[in-house]
Amino acid sequence: MHGKPVIGTNHGGIPEIVHEGENGHLVPQGDIRCLALALLDILTDEEKARTMGLKGYQMAIRDFGWEAATTKLLESYGVLPDLA
């Protein structure tokens, strides 16, 4: 939600949120070298970092913003919102 690229491990549910090369980097759990390379990639390429951050922000708003949260809540109660 802050428009920054993220680095996460390729473990659990993290790959559902972090899309390699799109909004950040996924690294194998416990692989310090891979983590260091991912950090260097983001820290040394300002344009790539900005683009990844923007894509992450757009995904966060689309999937987890107030409108998405409200829709999911209403759907859980069996009420479908009229978004027209």
PDB file of N, CA and C in Angstrom:
ATOM      1  N   MET A   1       0.813  -1.199   0.000  1.00  0.00           N
ATOM      2  CA  MET A   1       0.000   0.000   0.000  1.00  0.00           C
ATOM      3  C   MET A   1       0.856   1.263   0.000  1.00  0.00           C
ATOM      4  N   HIS A   2       2.160   1.120   0.107  1.00  0.00           N
ATOM      5  CA  HIS A   2       3.051   2.278   0.136  1.00  0.00           C
ATOM      6  C   HIS A   2       3.786   2.487  -1.180  1.00  0.00           C
ATOM      7  N   GLY A   3       3.450   1.694  -2.193  1.00  0.00           N
ATOM      8  CA  GLY A   3       4.060   1.874  -3.502  1.00  0.00           C
ATOM      9  C   GLY A   3       5.528   1.502  -3.552  1.00  0.00           C
ATOM     10  N   LYS A   4       5.932   0.549  -2.746  1.00  0.00           N
ATOM     11  CA  LYS A   4       7.326   0.110  -2.727  1.00  0.00           C
ATOM     12  C   LYS A   4       7.410  -1.339  -3.190  1.00  0.00           C
ATOM     13  N   PRO A   5       8.498  -1.701  -3.863  1.00  0.00           N
ATOM     14  CA  PRO A   5       8.671  -3.114  -4.234  1.00  0.00           C
ATOM     15  C   PRO A   5       8.912  -3.934  -2.973  1.00  0.00           C
ATOM     16  N   VAL A   6       8.587  -5.203  -3.040  1.00  0.00           N
ATOM     17  CA  VAL A   6       8.760  -6.066  -1.879  1.00  0.00           C
ATOM     18  C   VAL A   6       9.636  -7.269  -2.238  1.00  0.00           C
ATOM     19  N   ILE A   7      10.238  -7.820  -1.215  1.00  0.00           N
ATOM     20  CA  ILE A   7      11.007  -9.047  -1.367  1.00  0.00           C
ATOM     21  C   ILE A   7      10.453 -10.023  -0.339  1.00  0.00           C
ATOM     22  N   GLY A   8      10.081 -11.186  -0.803  1.00  0.00           N
ATOM     23  CA  GLY A   8       9.540 -12.200   0.100  1.00  0.00           C
ATOM     24  C   GLY A   8      10.111 -13.556  -0.246  1.00  0.00           C
ATOM     25  N   THR A   9       9.868 -14.496   0.647  1.00  0.00           N
ATOM     26  CA  THR A   9      10.335 -15.847   0.387  1.00  0.00           C
ATOM     27  C   THR A   9       9.313 -16.606  -0.445  1.00  0.00           C
ATOM     28  N   ASN A  10       9.807 -17.552  -1.175  1.00  0.00           N
ATOM     29  CA  ASN A  10       8.970 -18.403  -2.018  1.00  0.00           C
ATOM     30  C   ASN A  10       8.393 -19.503  -1.128  1.00  0.00           C
ATOM     31  N   HIS A  11       7.559 -19.087  -0.169  1.00  0.00           N
ATOM     32  CA  HIS A  11       7.082 -20.005   0.861  1.00  0.00           C
ATOM     33  C   HIS A  11       5.666 -19.607   1.280  1.00  0.00           C
ATOM     34  N   GLY A  12       4.867 -20.576   1.589  1.00  0.00           N
ATOM     35  CA  GLY A  12       3.513 -20.317   2.081  1.00  0.00           C
ATOM     36  C   GLY A  12       2.673 -19.528   1.093  1.00  0.00           C
ATOM     37  N   GLY A  13       1.929 -18.572   1.598  1.00  0.00           N
ATOM     38  CA  GLY A  13       1.043 -17.776   0.751  1.00  0.00           C
ATOM     39  C   GLY A  13       1.699 -16.559   0.129  1.00  0.00           C
ATOM     40  N   ILE A  14       2.970 -16.321   0.435  1.00  0.00           N
ATOM     41  CA  ILE A  14       3.653 -15.129  -0.069  1.00  0.00           C
ATOM     42  C   ILE A  14       3.633 -15.048  -1.598  1.00  0.00           C
ATOM     43  N   PRO A  15       3.869 -16.150  -2.325  1.00  0.00           N
ATOM     44  CA  PRO A  15       3.831 -16.057  -3.795  1.00  0.00           C
ATOM     45  C   PRO A  15       2.459 -15.677  -4.369  1.00  0.00           C
ATOM     46  N   GLU A  16       1.418 -15.740  -3.552  1.00  0.00           N
ATOM     47  CA  GLU A  16       0.104 -15.296  -4.013  1.00  0.00           C
ATOM     48  C   GLU A  16       0.034 -13.768  -4.084  1.00  0.00           C
ATOM     49  N   ILE A  17       0.911 -13.102  -3.345  1.00  0.00           N
ATOM     50  CA  ILE A  17       0.919 -11.641  -3.278  1.00  0.00           C
ATOM     51  C   ILE A  17       2.103 -11.046  -4.037  1.00  0.00           C
ATOM     52  N   VAL A  18       3.271 -11.649  -3.848  1.00  0.00           N
ATOM     53  CA  VAL A  18       4.486 -11.152  -4.493  1.00  0.00           C
ATOM     54  C   VAL A  18       4.685 -11.916  -5.795  1.00  0.00           C
ATOM     55  N   HIS A  19       4.641 -11.195  -6.894  1.00  0.00           N
ATOM     56  CA  HIS A  19       4.807 -11.794  -8.218  1.00  0.00           C
ATOM     57  C   HIS A  19       6.196 -11.429  -8.736  1.00  0.00           C
ATOM     58  N   GLU A  20       7.029 -12.435  -8.871  1.00  0.00           N
ATOM     59  CA  GLU A  20       8.428 -12.255  -9.239  1.00  0.00           C
ATOM     60  C   GLU A  20       8.596 -11.343 -10.448  1.00  0.00           C
ATOM     61  N   GLY A  21       9.392 -10.296 -10.255  1.00  0.00           N
ATOM     62  CA  GLY A  21       9.697  -9.367 -11.332  1.00  0.00           C
ATOM     63  C   GLY A  21       8.594  -8.380 -11.656  1.00  0.00           C
ATOM     64  N   GLU A  22       7.432  -8.562 -11.061  1.00  0.00           N
ATOM     65  CA  GLU A  22       6.317  -7.653 -11.343  1.00  0.00           C
ATOM     66  C   GLU A  22       6.172  -6.607 -10.239  1.00  0.00           C
ATOM     67  N   ASN A  23       5.943  -7.070  -9.012  1.00  0.00           N
ATOM     68  CA  ASN A  23       5.810  -6.120  -7.897  1.00  0.00           C
ATOM     69  C   ASN A  23       6.892  -6.338  -6.838  1.00  0.00           C
ATOM     70  N   GLY A  24       7.846  -7.193  -7.152  1.00  0.00           N
ATOM     71  CA  GLY A  24       8.934  -7.452  -6.223  1.00  0.00           C
ATOM     72  C   GLY A  24       9.704  -8.693  -6.627  1.00  0.00           C
ATOM     73  N   HIS A  25      10.373  -9.268  -5.653  1.00  0.00           N
ATOM     74  CA  HIS A  25      11.160 -10.475  -5.898  1.00  0.00           C
ATOM     75  C   HIS A  25      10.797 -11.548  -4.893  1.00  0.00           C
ATOM     76  N   LEU A  26      10.833 -12.787  -5.351  1.00  0.00           N
ATOM     77  CA  LEU A  26      10.688 -13.948  -4.487  1.00  0.00           C
ATOM     78  C   LEU A  26      12.041 -14.637  -4.396  1.00  0.00           C
ATOM     79  N   VAL A  27      12.447 -14.967  -3.199  1.00  0.00           N
ATOM     80  CA  VAL A  27      13.721 -15.655  -3.007  1.00  0.00           C
ATOM     81  C   VAL A  27      13.471 -16.946  -2.237  1.00  0.00           C
ATOM     82  N   PRO A  28      14.295 -17.959  -2.474  1.00  0.00           N
ATOM     83  CA  PRO A  28      14.143 -19.196  -1.706  1.00  0.00           C
ATOM     84  C   PRO A  28      14.395 -18.947  -0.218  1.00  0.00           C
ATOM     85  N   GLN A  29      13.611 -19.591   0.597  1.00  0.00           N
ATOM     86  CA  GLN A  29      13.746 -19.437   2.046  1.00  0.00           C
ATOM     87  C   GLN A  29      15.156 -19.855   2.474  1.00  0.00           C
ATOM     88  N   GLY A  30      15.834 -18.997   3.228  1.00  0.00           N
ATOM     89  CA  GLY A  30      17.160 -19.291   3.747  1.00  0.00           C
ATOM     90  C   GLY A  30      18.313 -19.018   2.795  1.00  0.00           C
ATOM     91  N   ASP A  31      18.011 -18.544   1.585  1.00  0.00           N
ATOM     92  CA  ASP A  31      19.065 -18.289   0.595  1.00  0.00           C
ATOM     93  C   ASP A  31      19.527 -16.837   0.709  1.00  0.00           C
ATOM     94  N   ILE A  32      20.539 -16.612   1.514  1.00  0.00           N
ATOM     95  CA  ILE A  32      21.028 -15.261   1.792  1.00  0.00           C
ATOM     96  C   ILE A  32      21.600 -14.611   0.543  1.00  0.00           C
ATOM     97  N   ARG A  33      22.288 -15.375  -0.285  1.00  0.00           N
ATOM     98  CA  ARG A  33      22.871 -14.829  -1.520  1.00  0.00           C
ATOM     99  C   ARG A  33      21.768 -14.316  -2.452  1.00  0.00           C
ATOM    100  N   CYS A  34      20.724 -15.096  -2.591  1.00  0.00           N
ATOM    101  CA  CYS A  34      19.609 -14.694  -3.459  1.00  0.00           C
ATOM    102  C   CYS A  34      18.921 -13.447  -2.891  1.00  0.00           C
ATOM    103  N   LEU A  35      18.782 -13.382  -1.582  1.00  0.00           N
ATOM    104  CA  LEU A  35      18.203 -12.206  -0.939  1.00  0.00           C
ATOM    105  C   LEU A  35      19.056 -10.973  -1.217  1.00  0.00           C
ATOM    106  N   ALA A  36      20.374 -11.121  -1.073  1.00  0.00           N
ATOM    107  CA  ALA A  36      21.280  -9.995  -1.320  1.00  0.00           C
ATOM    108  C   ALA A  36      21.175  -9.526  -2.771  1.00  0.00           C
ATOM    109  N   LEU A  37      21.088 -10.453  -3.711  1.00  0.00           N
ATOM    110  CA  LEU A  37      20.971 -10.085  -5.128  1.00  0.00           C
ATOM    111  C   LEU A  37      19.649  -9.371  -5.406  1.00  0.00           C
ATOM    112  N   ALA A  38      18.584  -9.826  -4.773  1.00  0.00           N
ATOM    113  CA  ALA A  38      17.282  -9.178  -4.956  1.00  0.00           C
ATOM    114  C   ALA A  38      17.314  -7.755  -4.399  1.00  0.00           C
ATOM    115  N   LEU A  39      17.924  -7.582  -3.235  1.00  0.00           N
ATOM    116  CA  LEU A  39      18.061  -6.244  -2.645  1.00  0.00           C
ATOM    117  C   LEU A  39      18.885  -5.337  -3.551  1.00  0.00           C
ATOM    118  N   LEU A  40      20.007  -5.844  -4.037  1.00  0.00           N
ATOM    119  CA  LEU A  40      20.850  -5.047  -4.932  1.00  0.00           C
ATOM    120  C   LEU A  40      20.101  -4.653  -6.201  1.00  0.00           C
ATOM    121  N   ASP A  41      19.322  -5.580  -6.733  1.00  0.00           N
ATOM    122  CA  ASP A  41      18.567  -5.290  -7.958  1.00  0.00           C
ATOM    123  C   ASP A  41      17.628  -4.110  -7.748  1.00  0.00           C
ATOM    124  N   ILE A  42      16.913  -4.118  -6.639  1.00  0.00           N
ATOM    125  CA  ILE A  42      15.957  -3.042  -6.371  1.00  0.00           C
ATOM    126  C   ILE A  42      16.666  -1.743  -5.998  1.00  0.00           C
ATOM    127  N   LEU A  43      17.719  -1.843  -5.217  1.00  0.00           N
ATOM    128  CA  LEU A  43      18.401  -0.636  -4.752  1.00  0.00           C
ATOM    129  C   LEU A  43      19.251   0.050  -5.818  1.00  0.00           C
ATOM    130  N   THR A  44      19.623  -0.683  -6.863  1.00  0.00           N
ATOM    131  CA  THR A  44      20.487  -0.099  -7.894  1.00  0.00           C
ATOM    132  C   THR A  44      19.744   0.274  -9.169  1.00  0.00           C
ATOM    133  N   ASP A  45      18.459  -0.015  -9.230  1.00  0.00           N
ATOM    134  CA  ASP A  45      17.681   0.323 -10.424  1.00  0.00           C
ATOM    135  C   ASP A  45      16.427   1.078  -9.982  1.00  0.00           C
ATOM    136  N   GLU A  46      16.567   2.389  -9.883  1.00  0.00           N
ATOM    137  CA  GLU A  46      15.488   3.224  -9.358  1.00  0.00           C
ATOM    138  C   GLU A  46      14.206   3.116 -10.193  1.00  0.00           C
ATOM    139  N   GLU A  47      14.337   3.066 -11.499  1.00  0.00           N
ATOM    140  CA  GLU A  47      13.155   2.967 -12.362  1.00  0.00           C
ATOM    141  C   GLU A  47      12.439   1.634 -12.159  1.00  0.00           C
ATOM    142  N   LYS A  48      13.198   0.545 -12.065  1.00  0.00           N
ATOM    143  CA  LYS A  48      12.594  -0.768 -11.821  1.00  0.00           C
ATOM    144  C   LYS A  48      11.884  -0.768 -10.467  1.00  0.00           C
ATOM    145  N   ALA A  49      12.522  -0.202  -9.457  1.00  0.00           N
ATOM    146  CA  ALA A  49      11.916  -0.145  -8.130  1.00  0.00           C
ATOM    147  C   ALA A  49      10.614   0.657  -8.164  1.00  0.00           C
ATOM    148  N   ARG A  50      10.622   1.767  -8.873  1.00  0.00           N
ATOM    149  CA  ARG A  50       9.421   2.604  -8.976  1.00  0.00           C
ATOM    150  C   ARG A  50       8.302   1.848  -9.703  1.00  0.00           C
ATOM    151  N   THR A  51       8.644   1.174 -10.791  1.00  0.00           N
ATOM    152  CA  THR A  51       7.647   0.418 -11.559  1.00  0.00           C
ATOM    153  C   THR A  51       7.069  -0.730 -10.736  1.00  0.00           C
ATOM    154  N   MET A  52       7.935  -1.478 -10.060  1.00  0.00           N
ATOM    155  CA  MET A  52       7.468  -2.579  -9.206  1.00  0.00           C
ATOM    156  C   MET A  52       6.576  -2.046  -8.088  1.00  0.00           C
ATOM    157  N   GLY A  53       6.970  -0.939  -7.483  1.00  0.00           N
ATOM    158  CA  GLY A  53       6.174  -0.350  -6.415  1.00  0.00           C
ATOM    159  C   GLY A  53       4.801   0.081  -6.895  1.00  0.00           C
ATOM    160  N   LEU A  54       4.749   0.686  -8.072  1.00  0.00           N
ATOM    161  CA  LEU A  54       3.462   1.106  -8.636  1.00  0.00           C
ATOM    162  C   LEU A  54       2.570  -0.095  -8.918  1.00  0.00           C
ATOM    163  N   LYS A  55       3.137  -1.144  -9.489  1.00  0.00           N
ATOM    164  CA  LYS A  55       2.339  -2.350  -9.766  1.00  0.00           C
ATOM    165  C   LYS A  55       1.842  -2.986  -8.473  1.00  0.00           C
ATOM    166  N   GLY A  56       2.683  -2.979  -7.447  1.00  0.00           N
ATOM    167  CA  GLY A  56       2.260  -3.511  -6.155  1.00  0.00           C
ATOM    168  C   GLY A  56       1.139  -2.694  -5.544  1.00  0.00           C
ATOM    169  N   TYR A  57       1.244  -1.377  -5.653  1.00  0.00           N
ATOM    170  CA  TYR A  57       0.196  -0.490  -5.139  1.00  0.00           C
ATOM    171  C   TYR A  57      -1.124  -0.736  -5.872  1.00  0.00           C
ATOM    172  N   GLN A  58      -1.055  -0.834  -7.189  1.00  0.00           N
ATOM    173  CA  GLN A  58      -2.267  -1.068  -7.978  1.00  0.00           C
ATOM    174  C   GLN A  58      -2.919  -2.397  -7.598  1.00  0.00           C
ATOM    175  N   MET A  59      -2.101  -3.440  -7.399  1.00  0.00           N
ATOM    176  CA  MET A  59      -2.635  -4.734  -6.992  1.00  0.00           C
ATOM    177  C   MET A  59      -3.243  -4.654  -5.598  1.00  0.00           C
ATOM    178  N   ALA A  60      -2.591  -3.943  -4.687  1.00  0.00           N
ATOM    179  CA  ALA A  60      -3.096  -3.821  -3.324  1.00  0.00           C
ATOM    180  C   ALA A  60      -4.455  -3.123  -3.302  1.00  0.00           C
ATOM    181  N   ILE A  61      -4.582  -2.053  -4.050  1.00  0.00           N
ATOM    182  CA  ILE A  61      -5.865  -1.340  -4.119  1.00  0.00           C
ATOM    183  C   ILE A  61      -6.931  -2.237  -4.745  1.00  0.00           C
ATOM    184  N   ARG A  62      -6.576  -2.877  -5.848  1.00  0.00           N
ATOM    185  CA  ARG A  62      -7.541  -3.732  -6.562  1.00  0.00           C
ATOM    186  C   ARG A  62      -8.004  -4.904  -5.695  1.00  0.00           C
ATOM    187  N   ASP A  63      -7.067  -5.567  -5.019  1.00  0.00           N
ATOM    188  CA  ASP A  63      -7.402  -6.800  -4.310  1.00  0.00           C
ATOM    189  C   ASP A  63      -7.702  -6.618  -2.824  1.00  0.00           C
ATOM    190  N   PHE A  64      -7.198  -5.537  -2.213  1.00  0.00           N
ATOM    191  CA  PHE A  64      -7.326  -5.397  -0.765  1.00  0.00           C
ATOM    192  C   PHE A  64      -7.825  -4.029  -0.319  1.00  0.00           C
ATOM    193  N   GLY A  65      -8.163  -3.141  -1.256  1.00  0.00           N
ATOM    194  CA  GLY A  65      -8.673  -1.821  -0.904  1.00  0.00           C
ATOM    195  C   GLY A  65     -10.079  -1.903  -0.331  1.00  0.00           C
ATOM    196  N   TRP A  66     -10.618  -0.750   0.050  1.00  0.00           N
ATOM    197  CA  TRP A  66     -11.940  -0.712   0.677  1.00  0.00           C
ATOM    198  C   TRP A  66     -13.029  -1.301  -0.209  1.00  0.00           C
ATOM    199  N   GLU A  67     -12.987  -0.998  -1.495  1.00  0.00           N
ATOM    200  CA  GLU A  67     -14.021  -1.534  -2.389  1.00  0.00           C
ATOM    201  C   GLU A  67     -13.960  -3.054  -2.455  1.00  0.00           C
ATOM    202  N   ALA A  68     -12.754  -3.602  -2.582  1.00  0.00           N
ATOM    203  CA  ALA A  68     -12.595  -5.056  -2.640  1.00  0.00           C
ATOM    204  C   ALA A  68     -13.013  -5.697  -1.314  1.00  0.00           C
ATOM    205  N   ALA A  69     -12.617  -5.080  -0.206  1.00  0.00           N
ATOM    206  CA  ALA A  69     -12.961  -5.631   1.107  1.00  0.00           C
ATOM    207  C   ALA A  69     -14.473  -5.613   1.328  1.00  0.00           C
ATOM    208  N   THR A  70     -15.118  -4.509   0.924  1.00  0.00           N
ATOM    209  CA  THR A  70     -16.569  -4.396   1.076  1.00  0.00           C
ATOM    210  C   THR A  70     -17.274  -5.434   0.219  1.00  0.00           C
ATOM    211  N   THR A  71     -16.826  -5.586  -1.012  1.00  0.00           N
ATOM    212  CA  THR A  71     -17.427  -6.580  -1.902  1.00  0.00           C
ATOM    213  C   THR A  71     -17.290  -7.978  -1.311  1.00  0.00           C
ATOM    214  N   LYS A  72     -16.108  -8.328  -0.816  1.00  0.00           N
ATOM    215  CA  LYS A  72     -15.892  -9.658  -0.233  1.00  0.00           C
ATOM    216  C   LYS A  72     -16.770  -9.855   1.000  1.00  0.00           C
ATOM    217  N   LEU A  73     -16.918  -8.822   1.824  1.00  0.00           N
ATOM    218  CA  LEU A  73     -17.766  -8.923   3.000  1.00  0.00           C
ATOM    219  C   LEU A  73     -19.219  -9.148   2.606  1.00  0.00           C
ATOM    220  N   LEU A  74     -19.713  -8.353   1.667  1.00  0.00           N
ATOM    221  CA  LEU A  74     -21.103  -8.502   1.229  1.00  0.00           C
ATOM    222  C   LEU A  74     -21.336  -9.870   0.595  1.00  0.00           C
ATOM    223  N   GLU A  75     -20.367 -10.329  -0.186  1.00  0.00           N
ATOM    224  CA  GLU A  75     -20.492 -11.659  -0.791  1.00  0.00           C
ATOM    225  C   GLU A  75     -20.552 -12.744   0.280  1.00  0.00           C
ATOM    226  N   SER A  76     -19.812 -12.566   1.372  1.00  0.00           N
ATOM    227  CA  SER A  76     -19.827 -13.569   2.444  1.00  0.00           C
ATOM    228  C   SER A  76     -21.195 -13.646   3.123  1.00  0.00           C
ATOM    229  N   TYR A  77     -21.961 -12.538   3.061  1.00  0.00           N
ATOM    230  CA  TYR A  77     -23.310 -12.524   3.598  1.00  0.00           C
ATOM    231  C   TYR A  77     -24.353 -12.872   2.540  1.00  0.00           C
ATOM    232  N   GLY A  78     -23.891 -13.182   1.340  1.00  0.00           N
ATOM    233  CA  GLY A  78     -24.815 -13.531   0.276  1.00  0.00           C
ATOM    234  C   GLY A  78     -25.464 -12.336  -0.382  1.00  0.00           C
ATOM    235  N   VAL A  79     -24.898 -11.169  -0.175  1.00  0.00           N
ATOM    236  CA  VAL A  79     -25.419  -9.937  -0.788  1.00  0.00           C
ATOM    237  C   VAL A  79     -24.433  -9.507  -1.854  1.00  0.00           C
ATOM    238  N   LEU A  80     -24.886  -9.441  -3.076  1.00  0.00           N
ATOM    239  CA  LEU A  80     -24.012  -8.986  -4.152  1.00  0.00           C
ATOM    240  C   LEU A  80     -24.248  -7.516  -4.406  1.00  0.00           C
ATOM    241  N   PRO A  81     -23.216  -6.703  -4.325  1.00  0.00           N
ATOM    242  CA  PRO A  81     -23.399  -5.251  -4.513  1.00  0.00           C
ATOM    243  C   PRO A  81     -23.716  -4.914  -5.952  1.00  0.00           C
ATOM    244  N   ASP A  82     -24.527  -3.868  -6.121  1.00  0.00           N
ATOM    245  CA  ASP A  82     -24.832  -3.358  -7.450  1.00  0.00           C
ATOM    246  C   ASP A  82     -23.829  -2.236  -7.731  1.00  0.00           C
ATOM    247  N   LEU A  83     -22.755  -2.545  -8.462  1.00  0.00           N
ATOM    248  CA  LEU A  83     -21.695  -1.577  -8.719  1.00  0.00           C
ATOM    249  C   LEU A  83     -21.910  -0.787 -10.000  1.00  0.00           C
ATOM    250  N   ALA A  84     -23.090  -0.889 -10.571  1.00  0.00           N
ATOM    251  CA  ALA A  84     -23.369  -0.168 -11.825  1.00  0.00           C
ATOM    252  C   ALA A  84     -23.593   1.295 -11.614  1.00  0.00           C
TER     253      ALA A  84
END
